[in-house]
Amino acid sequence: MHSEKRKEVRSAYPIPRGGKLQVLFDDKSILVTSVKDVSSTGIRLEIESPISVGENIMIRYLAETMDIKLNGTVVWNSIAAGNPADTAEPLPILIGVKLLSPSLLQALW
């Protein structure tokens, strides 16, 4: 798999109720199914379809009264790290994102 780069304390959080968490890039929108962990510099997400390493993305939490956007870069994904995409029972797709504006995480959690 990949080697962990983050040295900060990480915490796991559920996606806040009443909204949806998405990854936006190019003209695509991918739903986040789970937030695996969050640190001050990065976030590990389970998503519905793969995103290439090096892709500049925006993580968006959208709710009735809130629209929060965080910019980041995909630094690894589980497909590149050795999880085959064409197995009989698909494995979760995970991405590691280096955040460019981590202080905004406090607004979500």
Protein backbone atom coordinates (compact mmCIF):
# COMPACT_ATOMS: atom_id res chain seq x y z
CA MET A 1 0.00 0.00 0.00
CA HIS A 2 1.18 3.60 0.46
CA SER A 3 3.47 4.87 3.18
CA GLU A 4 1.88 7.28 5.64
CA LYS A 5 3.27 10.80 5.50
CA ARG A 6 1.12 12.64 8.06
CA LYS A 7 2.61 12.95 11.53
CA GLU A 8 -0.27 14.91 13.06
CA VAL A 9 -2.93 13.43 15.32
CA ARG A 10 -5.83 12.10 13.28
CA SER A 11 -9.46 11.79 14.26
CA ALA A 12 -12.42 10.03 12.67
CA TYR A 13 -15.68 11.89 12.18
CA PRO A 14 -19.01 11.01 10.63
CA ILE A 15 -20.31 13.09 7.75
CA PRO A 16 -22.55 15.71 9.40
CA ARG A 17 -26.25 14.89 9.02
CA GLY A 18 -28.47 16.93 6.76
CA GLY A 19 -25.88 17.54 4.05
CA LYS A 20 -23.70 15.81 1.53
CA LEU A 21 -19.96 15.66 1.16
CA GLN A 22 -18.57 15.66 -2.37
CA VAL A 23 -15.26 15.78 -4.18
CA LEU A 24 -15.31 18.18 -7.13
CA PHE A 25 -12.75 18.29 -9.95
CA ASP A 26 -12.92 19.25 -13.61
CA ASP A 27 -16.66 19.02 -14.32
CA LYS A 28 -17.15 15.97 -12.10
CA SER A 29 -18.77 15.50 -8.73
CA ILE A 30 -18.11 12.33 -6.71
CA LEU A 31 -20.00 11.49 -3.53
CA VAL A 32 -17.96 10.83 -0.38
CA THR A 33 -19.33 7.74 1.36
CA SER A 34 -17.15 7.96 4.48
CA VAL A 35 -14.60 10.19 6.19
CA LYS A 36 -11.95 7.77 7.43
CA ASP A 37 -9.76 10.26 9.27
CA VAL A 38 -8.86 13.95 9.41
CA SER A 39 -5.70 15.75 10.54
CA SER A 40 -4.64 19.37 10.37
CA THR A 41 -2.98 18.79 6.98
CA GLY A 42 -4.98 16.04 5.29
CA ILE A 43 -8.03 13.87 5.06
CA ARG A 44 -8.65 10.25 4.03
CA LEU A 45 -11.96 9.68 2.25
CA GLU A 46 -13.90 6.74 0.87
CA ILE A 47 -15.45 7.72 -2.45
CA GLU A 48 -17.70 6.18 -5.11
CA SER A 49 -15.26 6.25 -8.05
CA PRO A 50 -11.49 6.69 -8.44
CA ILE A 51 -9.60 9.97 -8.75
CA SER A 52 -6.05 10.12 -10.09
CA VAL A 53 -3.06 10.92 -7.91
CA GLY A 54 -2.00 14.55 -8.44
CA GLU A 55 -5.54 15.74 -9.20
CA ASN A 56 -6.38 19.15 -7.72
CA ILE A 57 -9.77 18.85 -6.10
CA MET A 58 -12.29 20.68 -3.98
CA ILE A 59 -13.99 18.94 -1.05
CA ARG A 60 -17.47 20.41 -0.61
CA TYR A 61 -19.94 20.00 2.23
CA LEU A 62 -23.34 21.23 1.13
CA ALA A 63 -26.30 21.55 3.48
CA GLU A 64 -29.39 23.72 3.59
CA THR A 65 -27.65 26.50 5.54
CA MET A 66 -24.00 25.76 4.79
CA ASP A 67 -21.69 25.51 1.77
CA ILE A 68 -18.06 24.84 2.80
CA LYS A 69 -15.28 24.23 0.29
CA LEU A 70 -11.73 23.00 0.95
CA ASN A 71 -9.05 22.85 -1.73
CA GLY A 72 -6.61 19.98 -1.85
CA THR A 73 -4.56 17.59 -3.93
CA VAL A 74 -4.95 13.80 -4.13
CA VAL A 75 -1.63 12.40 -2.92
CA TRP A 76 -2.57 8.71 -3.07
CA ASN A 77 -5.45 6.43 -3.92
CA SER A 78 -6.15 2.81 -3.12
CA ILE A 79 -6.20 1.81 -6.79
CA ALA A 80 -2.62 3.02 -7.36
CA ALA A 81 -1.65 1.51 -4.01
CA GLY A 82 -2.60 -2.01 -5.09
CA ASN A 83 -6.37 -2.46 -4.73
CA PRO A 84 -7.53 -3.84 -8.09
CA ALA A 85 -10.59 -2.07 -9.48
CA ASP A 86 -11.96 -5.16 -11.22
CA THR A 87 -12.28 -7.68 -8.37
CA ALA A 88 -15.40 -9.82 -8.03
CA GLU A 89 -16.44 -7.85 -4.98
CA PRO A 90 -15.22 -4.26 -5.39
CA LEU A 91 -13.05 -2.92 -2.59
CA PRO A 92 -13.73 0.56 -1.21
CA ILE A 93 -11.95 3.33 -3.09
CA LEU A 94 -9.90 5.45 -0.71
CA ILE A 95 -8.04 8.67 -1.40
CA GLY A 96 -5.57 10.63 0.66
CA VAL A 97 -5.88 14.39 0.23
CA LYS A 98 -3.34 17.01 1.22
CA LEU A 99 -5.40 20.04 2.22
CA LEU A 100 -4.41 23.51 1.09
CA SER A 101 -6.71 25.26 3.58
CA PRO A 102 -6.90 22.96 6.62
CA SER A 103 -8.08 25.58 9.13
CA LEU A 104 -11.53 25.46 7.54
CA LEU A 105 -11.96 21.89 8.82
CA GLN A 106 -13.03 23.36 12.14
CA ALA A 107 -16.20 24.58 10.46
CA LEU A 108 -17.21 20.99 9.68
CA TRP A 109 -16.12 19.19 12.83
